[in-house]
């Protein structure tokens, strides 16, 4: 199960299309336990963008603690954002189901104990993302008000 609240928050927070598209790609490619085996070159190919753009978007996503790099070509979703406990493998519809036990709490403990990871990765917070959304909205409202004032001043000068 992917966190529905997470989908709501990222759809509000990530205004740029590429980071949002990348999050959707990462969700689609994750395996049980939240591991993502995908290189940046593969991401660039799938998303049809230049590799530097992928690096930039991935950096933004990682900055917010959504995923982190395990090693080259392997990323990990932060468990609170995606509890993927099963995966669909095309072509296996007629074979008996095979189950793999995923110890999500071990992943969480590993993440929390890794002092090299940023605090936001070790202790992710949808509340922090909500605060950032509110700050973004406030900044945009201030910018719009500034543009309205500037427009009004130009009109005033034009009529006098």
N, C-alpha and C. Protein backbone atom coordinates (compact mmCIF):
# COMPACT_ATOMS: atom_id res chain seq x y z
N UNK A 1 0.84 -1.17 0.00
CA UNK A 1 0.00 0.00 0.00
C UNK A 1 0.88 1.23 0.00
N UNK A 2 0.64 2.13 -0.90
CA UNK A 2 1.35 3.40 -0.91
C UNK A 2 0.51 4.39 -0.10
N UNK A 3 1.17 5.26 0.62
CA UNK A 3 0.48 6.21 1.47
C UNK A 3 -0.33 7.19 0.63
N UNK A 4 -1.65 7.17 0.77
CA UNK A 4 -2.51 8.07 0.01
C UNK A 4 -2.29 9.51 0.45
N UNK A 5 -2.02 9.72 1.72
CA UNK A 5 -1.72 11.06 2.20
C UNK A 5 -0.44 11.59 1.55
N UNK A 6 0.52 10.69 1.36
CA UNK A 6 1.77 11.07 0.69
C UNK A 6 1.48 11.55 -0.73
N UNK A 7 0.63 10.84 -1.46
CA UNK A 7 0.27 11.27 -2.82
C UNK A 7 -0.34 12.66 -2.80
N UNK A 8 -1.23 12.91 -1.84
CA UNK A 8 -1.87 14.21 -1.74
C UNK A 8 -0.84 15.31 -1.49
N UNK A 9 0.05 15.08 -0.54
CA UNK A 9 1.04 16.09 -0.18
C UNK A 9 2.00 16.36 -1.32
N UNK A 10 2.50 15.31 -1.98
CA UNK A 10 3.46 15.57 -3.08
C UNK A 10 2.78 16.24 -4.25
N UNK A 11 1.50 15.97 -4.47
CA UNK A 11 0.81 16.64 -5.59
C UNK A 11 0.66 18.13 -5.31
N UNK A 12 0.61 18.52 -4.05
CA UNK A 12 0.53 19.93 -3.70
C UNK A 12 1.92 20.57 -3.66
N UNK A 13 2.91 19.83 -3.21
CA UNK A 13 4.24 20.38 -2.96
C UNK A 13 5.07 20.50 -4.22
N UNK A 14 5.12 19.46 -5.02
CA UNK A 14 5.97 19.46 -6.20
C UNK A 14 5.24 20.09 -7.37
N UNK A 15 5.47 21.38 -7.57
CA UNK A 15 4.82 22.14 -8.65
C UNK A 15 5.49 21.87 -9.99
N UNK A 16 6.76 21.52 -9.96
CA UNK A 16 7.48 21.22 -11.19
C UNK A 16 7.11 19.81 -11.63
N UNK A 17 6.94 19.63 -12.91
CA UNK A 17 6.48 18.34 -13.43
C UNK A 17 7.51 17.23 -13.26
N UNK A 18 8.79 17.50 -13.48
CA UNK A 18 9.78 16.43 -13.47
C UNK A 18 9.92 15.74 -12.11
N UNK A 19 10.04 16.47 -11.00
CA UNK A 19 10.12 15.74 -9.72
C UNK A 19 8.89 14.88 -9.46
N UNK A 20 7.73 15.39 -9.80
CA UNK A 20 6.51 14.62 -9.59
C UNK A 20 6.49 13.39 -10.50
N UNK A 21 6.88 13.56 -11.77
CA UNK A 21 6.95 12.41 -12.68
C UNK A 21 7.96 11.39 -12.17
N UNK A 22 9.08 11.88 -11.61
CA UNK A 22 10.10 10.96 -11.11
C UNK A 22 9.59 10.17 -9.91
N UNK A 23 8.87 10.83 -9.01
CA UNK A 23 8.29 10.12 -7.86
C UNK A 23 7.35 9.02 -8.34
N UNK A 24 6.54 9.33 -9.34
CA UNK A 24 5.63 8.31 -9.88
C UNK A 24 6.41 7.16 -10.50
N UNK A 25 7.51 7.47 -11.19
CA UNK A 25 8.36 6.41 -11.77
C UNK A 25 8.96 5.55 -10.66
N UNK A 26 9.46 6.18 -9.61
CA UNK A 26 10.06 5.44 -8.50
C UNK A 26 9.02 4.55 -7.83
N UNK A 27 7.82 5.07 -7.66
CA UNK A 27 6.75 4.26 -7.07
C UNK A 27 6.46 3.04 -7.96
N UNK A 28 6.39 3.29 -9.26
CA UNK A 28 6.08 2.20 -10.20
C UNK A 28 7.17 1.14 -10.24
N UNK A 29 8.40 1.53 -9.99
CA UNK A 29 9.53 0.60 -10.12
C UNK A 29 9.98 -0.01 -8.80
N UNK A 30 9.35 0.37 -7.71
CA UNK A 30 9.81 -0.17 -6.43
C UNK A 30 9.43 -1.63 -6.27
N UNK A 31 10.24 -2.30 -5.52
CA UNK A 31 10.00 -3.71 -5.20
C UNK A 31 9.44 -3.80 -3.79
N UNK A 32 9.01 -4.98 -3.42
CA UNK A 32 8.53 -5.19 -2.06
C UNK A 32 9.61 -4.71 -1.09
N UNK A 33 9.22 -3.93 -0.10
CA UNK A 33 10.18 -3.37 0.85
C UNK A 33 10.61 -1.97 0.48
N UNK A 34 10.22 -1.49 -0.70
CA UNK A 34 10.53 -0.12 -1.09
C UNK A 34 11.84 0.09 -1.81
N UNK A 35 12.55 -0.98 -2.16
CA UNK A 35 13.81 -0.84 -2.90
C UNK A 35 13.52 -0.54 -4.36
N UNK A 36 14.36 0.31 -4.94
CA UNK A 36 14.22 0.69 -6.35
C UNK A 36 15.54 0.43 -7.04
N UNK A 37 15.57 -0.49 -7.96
CA UNK A 37 16.78 -0.80 -8.72
C UNK A 37 16.67 -0.09 -10.07
N UNK A 38 17.23 1.12 -10.13
CA UNK A 38 17.09 1.94 -11.32
C UNK A 38 18.24 2.95 -11.34
N UNK A 39 18.99 2.97 -12.41
CA UNK A 39 20.08 3.95 -12.51
C UNK A 39 19.51 5.29 -12.98
N UNK A 40 20.28 6.34 -12.80
CA UNK A 40 19.85 7.65 -13.27
C UNK A 40 19.74 7.66 -14.79
N UNK A 41 20.59 6.93 -15.45
CA UNK A 41 20.53 6.84 -16.91
C UNK A 41 19.21 6.19 -17.34
N UNK A 42 18.81 5.13 -16.64
CA UNK A 42 17.53 4.48 -16.95
C UNK A 42 16.36 5.43 -16.68
N UNK A 43 16.45 6.19 -15.58
CA UNK A 43 15.39 7.16 -15.28
C UNK A 43 15.29 8.19 -16.40
N UNK A 44 16.45 8.69 -16.85
CA UNK A 44 16.48 9.69 -17.93
C UNK A 44 15.85 9.13 -19.20
N UNK A 45 16.14 7.87 -19.51
CA UNK A 45 15.59 7.23 -20.71
C UNK A 45 14.08 7.11 -20.60
N UNK A 46 13.59 6.60 -19.48
CA UNK A 46 12.15 6.40 -19.30
C UNK A 46 11.41 7.74 -19.32
N UNK A 47 11.97 8.74 -18.67
CA UNK A 47 11.31 10.05 -18.57
C UNK A 47 11.58 10.94 -19.78
N UNK A 48 12.48 10.48 -20.65
CA UNK A 48 12.84 11.21 -21.87
C UNK A 48 13.34 12.63 -21.57
N UNK A 49 14.29 12.69 -20.64
CA UNK A 49 14.92 13.96 -20.28
C UNK A 49 16.43 13.74 -20.20
N UNK A 50 17.17 14.84 -20.17
CA UNK A 50 18.62 14.76 -20.05
C UNK A 50 19.01 14.29 -18.65
N UNK A 51 20.10 13.57 -18.57
CA UNK A 51 20.56 13.03 -17.29
C UNK A 51 20.76 14.11 -16.23
N UNK A 52 21.35 15.28 -16.57
CA UNK A 52 21.49 16.32 -15.52
C UNK A 52 20.16 16.75 -14.91
N UNK A 53 19.10 16.73 -15.70
CA UNK A 53 17.77 17.07 -15.18
C UNK A 53 17.30 16.01 -14.17
N UNK A 54 17.61 14.75 -14.46
CA UNK A 54 17.27 13.66 -13.55
C UNK A 54 18.03 13.83 -12.24
N UNK A 55 19.32 14.13 -12.35
CA UNK A 55 20.14 14.32 -11.16
C UNK A 55 19.58 15.45 -10.29
N UNK A 56 19.18 16.54 -10.92
CA UNK A 56 18.63 17.69 -10.20
C UNK A 56 17.30 17.33 -9.52
N UNK A 57 16.40 16.69 -10.25
CA UNK A 57 15.09 16.32 -9.70
C UNK A 57 15.24 15.28 -8.59
N UNK A 58 16.11 14.32 -8.81
CA UNK A 58 16.34 13.29 -7.80
C UNK A 58 16.93 13.91 -6.53
N UNK A 59 17.82 14.87 -6.71
CA UNK A 59 18.40 15.57 -5.55
C UNK A 59 17.32 16.28 -4.74
N UNK A 60 16.37 16.90 -5.43
CA UNK A 60 15.27 17.58 -4.73
C UNK A 60 14.42 16.58 -3.95
N UNK A 61 14.13 15.45 -4.58
CA UNK A 61 13.32 14.41 -3.93
C UNK A 61 14.05 13.85 -2.72
N UNK A 62 15.34 13.62 -2.87
CA UNK A 62 16.14 13.08 -1.77
C UNK A 62 16.27 14.11 -0.65
N UNK A 63 16.35 15.38 -1.01
CA UNK A 63 16.46 16.45 -0.01
C UNK A 63 15.27 16.43 0.95
N UNK A 64 14.11 16.05 0.46
CA UNK A 64 12.91 16.01 1.29
C UNK A 64 12.74 14.67 2.01
N UNK A 65 13.71 13.77 1.85
CA UNK A 65 13.67 12.52 2.60
C UNK A 65 12.71 11.48 2.07
N UNK A 66 12.29 11.62 0.83
CA UNK A 66 11.33 10.68 0.27
C UNK A 66 12.01 9.36 -0.10
N UNK A 67 13.14 9.48 -0.76
CA UNK A 67 13.97 8.31 -1.07
C UNK A 67 15.41 8.66 -0.70
N UNK A 68 16.23 7.64 -0.57
CA UNK A 68 17.66 7.88 -0.39
C UNK A 68 18.43 6.84 -1.18
N UNK A 69 19.66 7.18 -1.49
CA UNK A 69 20.50 6.29 -2.29
C UNK A 69 21.15 5.26 -1.38
N UNK A 70 20.98 4.00 -1.75
CA UNK A 70 21.60 2.91 -1.02
C UNK A 70 23.00 2.68 -1.59
N UNK A 71 23.06 2.58 -2.90
CA UNK A 71 24.32 2.47 -3.64
C UNK A 71 24.01 2.80 -5.09
N UNK A 72 25.01 2.78 -5.93
CA UNK A 72 24.80 3.13 -7.33
C UNK A 72 23.68 2.28 -7.95
N UNK A 73 22.66 2.95 -8.46
CA UNK A 73 21.56 2.24 -9.12
C UNK A 73 20.54 1.62 -8.19
N UNK A 74 20.67 1.87 -6.89
CA UNK A 74 19.72 1.32 -5.92
C UNK A 74 19.30 2.43 -4.96
N UNK A 75 18.00 2.65 -4.90
CA UNK A 75 17.43 3.66 -4.01
C UNK A 75 16.44 2.98 -3.09
N UNK A 76 16.08 3.65 -2.01
CA UNK A 76 15.15 3.10 -1.04
C UNK A 76 14.10 4.15 -0.70
N UNK A 77 12.82 3.78 -0.81
CA UNK A 77 11.76 4.66 -0.34
C UNK A 77 11.80 4.68 1.17
N UNK A 78 11.55 5.82 1.74
CA UNK A 78 11.41 5.90 3.18
C UNK A 78 10.12 5.20 3.54
N UNK A 79 10.14 4.22 4.43
CA UNK A 79 8.96 3.40 4.71
C UNK A 79 7.67 4.15 5.01
N UNK A 80 7.68 5.28 5.73
CA UNK A 80 6.39 5.94 5.98
C UNK A 80 5.68 6.42 4.71
N UNK A 81 6.42 6.56 3.62
CA UNK A 81 5.82 7.06 2.39
C UNK A 81 5.30 5.93 1.51
N UNK A 82 5.86 4.76 1.62
CA UNK A 82 5.41 3.68 0.77
C UNK A 82 5.65 2.34 1.44
N UNK A 83 4.57 1.67 1.78
CA UNK A 83 4.65 0.34 2.36
C UNK A 83 4.34 -0.68 1.28
N UNK A 84 5.24 -0.87 0.38
CA UNK A 84 5.01 -1.81 -0.71
C UNK A 84 5.35 -3.20 -0.18
N UNK A 85 4.35 -4.00 0.01
CA UNK A 85 4.58 -5.33 0.56
C UNK A 85 4.42 -6.42 -0.48
N UNK A 86 4.08 -6.03 -1.70
CA UNK A 86 3.96 -7.00 -2.77
C UNK A 86 4.30 -6.31 -4.07
N UNK A 87 4.60 -7.09 -5.07
CA UNK A 87 4.87 -6.50 -6.38
C UNK A 87 4.26 -7.36 -7.47
N UNK A 88 3.86 -6.72 -8.53
CA UNK A 88 3.27 -7.41 -9.67
C UNK A 88 4.37 -7.70 -10.68
N UNK A 89 4.45 -8.95 -11.10
CA UNK A 89 5.42 -9.34 -12.10
C UNK A 89 4.65 -9.83 -13.32
N UNK A 90 4.68 -9.05 -14.40
CA UNK A 90 3.93 -9.44 -15.60
C UNK A 90 4.31 -10.85 -16.08
N UNK A 91 3.31 -11.56 -16.55
CA UNK A 91 3.56 -12.91 -17.07
C UNK A 91 3.43 -14.00 -16.02
N UNK A 92 3.13 -13.62 -14.79
CA UNK A 92 3.02 -14.63 -13.72
C UNK A 92 1.57 -14.86 -13.28
N UNK A 93 0.64 -14.38 -14.09
CA UNK A 93 -0.77 -14.46 -13.71
C UNK A 93 -1.25 -15.90 -13.51
N UNK A 94 -0.68 -16.84 -14.24
CA UNK A 94 -1.17 -18.22 -14.19
C UNK A 94 -0.37 -19.10 -13.23
N UNK A 95 0.70 -18.56 -12.65
CA UNK A 95 1.51 -19.35 -11.71
C UNK A 95 1.03 -19.09 -10.29
N UNK A 96 1.24 -20.04 -9.39
CA UNK A 96 0.81 -19.84 -8.00
C UNK A 96 1.55 -18.64 -7.38
N UNK A 97 0.88 -17.97 -6.48
CA UNK A 97 1.47 -16.79 -5.82
C UNK A 97 2.68 -17.20 -5.00
N UNK A 98 3.67 -16.36 -5.00
CA UNK A 98 4.87 -16.59 -4.21
C UNK A 98 5.02 -15.39 -3.28
N UNK A 99 5.24 -15.64 -2.00
CA UNK A 99 5.30 -14.56 -1.03
C UNK A 99 6.70 -14.42 -0.46
N UNK A 100 7.10 -13.18 -0.27
CA UNK A 100 8.37 -12.87 0.35
C UNK A 100 8.08 -12.02 1.57
N UNK A 101 8.57 -12.44 2.71
CA UNK A 101 8.34 -11.67 3.92
C UNK A 101 9.29 -10.47 3.93
N UNK A 102 8.72 -9.29 4.13
CA UNK A 102 9.51 -8.07 4.17
C UNK A 102 9.46 -7.53 5.59
N UNK A 103 10.62 -7.40 6.19
CA UNK A 103 10.71 -6.88 7.55
C UNK A 103 10.89 -5.36 7.48
N UNK A 104 9.78 -4.66 7.36
CA UNK A 104 9.83 -3.20 7.20
C UNK A 104 10.46 -2.52 8.41
N UNK A 105 10.21 -3.04 9.61
CA UNK A 105 10.77 -2.41 10.80
C UNK A 105 12.30 -2.44 10.80
N UNK A 106 12.88 -3.49 10.19
CA UNK A 106 14.35 -3.55 10.09
C UNK A 106 14.87 -2.43 9.18
N UNK A 107 14.15 -2.18 8.09
CA UNK A 107 14.53 -1.09 7.18
C UNK A 107 14.46 0.24 7.92
N UNK A 108 13.38 0.45 8.66
CA UNK A 108 13.22 1.70 9.41
C UNK A 108 14.36 1.85 10.42
N UNK A 109 14.67 0.79 11.16
CA UNK A 109 15.77 0.86 12.14
C UNK A 109 17.11 1.14 11.48
N UNK A 110 17.35 0.52 10.33
CA UNK A 110 18.60 0.75 9.60
C UNK A 110 18.71 2.22 9.19
N UNK A 111 17.61 2.76 8.68
CA UNK A 111 17.59 4.16 8.26
C UNK A 111 17.83 5.08 9.46
N UNK A 112 17.11 4.84 10.53
CA UNK A 112 17.22 5.72 11.71
C UNK A 112 18.59 5.66 12.36
N UNK A 113 19.27 4.53 12.28
CA UNK A 113 20.58 4.38 12.92
C UNK A 113 21.74 4.86 12.05
N UNK A 114 21.47 5.18 10.79
CA UNK A 114 22.53 5.62 9.88
C UNK A 114 22.76 7.13 10.05
N UNK A 115 23.76 7.47 10.85
CA UNK A 115 24.05 8.88 11.17
C UNK A 115 24.49 9.69 9.95
N UNK A 116 24.89 9.02 8.87
CA UNK A 116 25.34 9.75 7.68
C UNK A 116 24.16 10.31 6.89
N UNK A 117 22.95 9.80 7.16
CA UNK A 117 21.76 10.29 6.46
C UNK A 117 21.24 11.55 7.14
N UNK A 118 20.69 12.49 6.35
CA UNK A 118 20.12 13.70 6.94
C UNK A 118 18.96 13.38 7.88
N UNK A 119 18.72 14.27 8.82
CA UNK A 119 17.66 14.10 9.81
C UNK A 119 16.30 13.85 9.15
N UNK A 120 16.01 14.57 8.07
CA UNK A 120 14.71 14.43 7.40
C UNK A 120 14.55 13.05 6.75
N UNK A 121 15.65 12.41 6.39
CA UNK A 121 15.59 11.05 5.85
C UNK A 121 15.39 10.07 7.01
N UNK A 122 16.10 10.29 8.09
CA UNK A 122 16.01 9.37 9.23
C UNK A 122 14.65 9.47 9.93
N UNK A 123 14.08 10.66 9.97
CA UNK A 123 12.79 10.87 10.61
C UNK A 123 11.91 11.69 9.68
N UNK A 124 11.39 11.07 8.61
CA UNK A 124 10.59 11.81 7.63
C UNK A 124 9.31 12.34 8.25
N UNK A 125 8.85 13.44 7.68
CA UNK A 125 7.67 14.07 8.26
C UNK A 125 6.79 14.67 7.17
N UNK A 126 5.58 14.16 7.06
CA UNK A 126 4.62 14.78 6.16
C UNK A 126 4.25 16.16 6.69
N UNK A 127 4.33 16.32 8.01
CA UNK A 127 4.05 17.63 8.61
C UNK A 127 5.05 18.66 8.11
N UNK A 128 6.32 18.29 7.99
CA UNK A 128 7.35 19.20 7.48
C UNK A 128 7.02 19.59 6.04
N UNK A 129 6.57 18.63 5.23
CA UNK A 129 6.18 18.94 3.86
C UNK A 129 4.97 19.86 3.84
N UNK A 130 4.02 19.64 4.76
CA UNK A 130 2.85 20.53 4.84
C UNK A 130 3.30 21.95 5.18
N UNK A 131 4.25 22.09 6.10
CA UNK A 131 4.78 23.41 6.47
C UNK A 131 5.42 24.08 5.26
N UNK A 132 6.17 23.30 4.49
CA UNK A 132 6.81 23.84 3.29
C UNK A 132 5.76 24.29 2.27
N UNK A 133 4.67 23.53 2.14
CA UNK A 133 3.59 23.90 1.23
C UNK A 133 2.98 25.23 1.67
N UNK A 134 2.72 25.38 2.97
CA UNK A 134 2.14 26.62 3.49
C UNK A 134 3.09 27.79 3.24
N UNK A 135 4.38 27.57 3.44
CA UNK A 135 5.38 28.62 3.20
C UNK A 135 5.39 29.01 1.73
N UNK A 136 5.36 28.00 0.85
CA UNK A 136 5.35 28.25 -0.59
C UNK A 136 4.12 29.06 -0.99
N UNK A 137 2.95 28.67 -0.47
CA UNK A 137 1.72 29.39 -0.78
C UNK A 137 1.80 30.84 -0.31
N UNK A 138 2.35 31.05 0.88
CA UNK A 138 2.49 32.40 1.43
C UNK A 138 3.41 33.25 0.56
N UNK A 139 4.54 32.66 0.14
CA UNK A 139 5.48 33.38 -0.73
C UNK A 139 4.82 33.74 -2.06
N UNK A 140 4.09 32.80 -2.63
CA UNK A 140 3.42 33.07 -3.91
C UNK A 140 2.34 34.13 -3.76
N UNK A 141 1.63 34.13 -2.64
CA UNK A 141 0.60 35.14 -2.40
C UNK A 141 1.25 36.52 -2.28
N UNK A 142 2.39 36.59 -1.60
CA UNK A 142 3.12 37.86 -1.47
C UNK A 142 3.61 38.35 -2.83
N UNK A 143 4.09 37.43 -3.66
CA UNK A 143 4.54 37.80 -5.01
C UNK A 143 3.38 38.32 -5.85
N UNK A 144 2.23 37.65 -5.76
CA UNK A 144 1.05 38.11 -6.51
C UNK A 144 0.62 39.50 -6.05
N UNK A 145 0.62 39.73 -4.73
CA UNK A 145 0.24 41.03 -4.19
C UNK A 145 1.21 42.11 -4.67
N UNK A 146 2.49 41.79 -4.70
CA UNK A 146 3.51 42.73 -5.18
C UNK A 146 3.27 43.08 -6.66
N UNK A 147 2.96 42.06 -7.46
CA UNK A 147 2.69 42.31 -8.88
C UNK A 147 1.44 43.19 -9.05
N UNK A 148 0.39 42.94 -8.24
CA UNK A 148 -0.82 43.75 -8.31
C UNK A 148 -0.53 45.20 -7.95
N UNK A 149 0.28 45.41 -6.90
CA UNK A 149 0.64 46.78 -6.50
C UNK A 149 1.41 47.48 -7.61
N UNK A 150 2.36 46.76 -8.20
CA UNK A 150 3.17 47.34 -9.28
C UNK A 150 2.29 47.69 -10.47
N UNK A 151 1.34 46.81 -10.81
CA UNK A 151 0.42 47.06 -11.91
C UNK A 151 -0.44 48.29 -11.62
N UNK A 152 -0.93 48.39 -10.40
CA UNK A 152 -1.77 49.52 -10.01
C UNK A 152 -0.98 50.83 -10.08
N UNK A 153 0.29 50.79 -9.67
CA UNK A 153 1.13 52.00 -9.73
C UNK A 153 1.38 52.40 -11.18
N UNK A 154 1.61 51.42 -12.05
CA UNK A 154 1.83 51.74 -13.47
C UNK A 154 0.57 52.35 -14.07
N UNK A 155 -0.58 51.79 -13.71
CA UNK A 155 -1.85 52.34 -14.23
C UNK A 155 -2.09 53.75 -13.72
N UNK A 156 -1.75 53.98 -12.45
CA UNK A 156 -1.90 55.31 -11.86
C UNK A 156 -1.04 56.33 -12.58
N UNK A 157 0.20 55.95 -12.87
CA UNK A 157 1.11 56.84 -13.59
C UNK A 157 0.62 57.11 -15.00
N UNK A 158 0.02 56.11 -15.61
CA UNK A 158 -0.48 56.23 -16.98
C UNK A 158 -1.70 57.15 -17.07
N UNK A 159 -2.48 57.24 -16.02
CA UNK A 159 -3.68 58.08 -16.04
C UNK A 159 -3.41 59.50 -15.56
N UNK A 160 -2.26 59.74 -14.90
CA UNK A 160 -2.01 61.09 -14.41
C UNK A 160 -1.22 61.93 -15.37
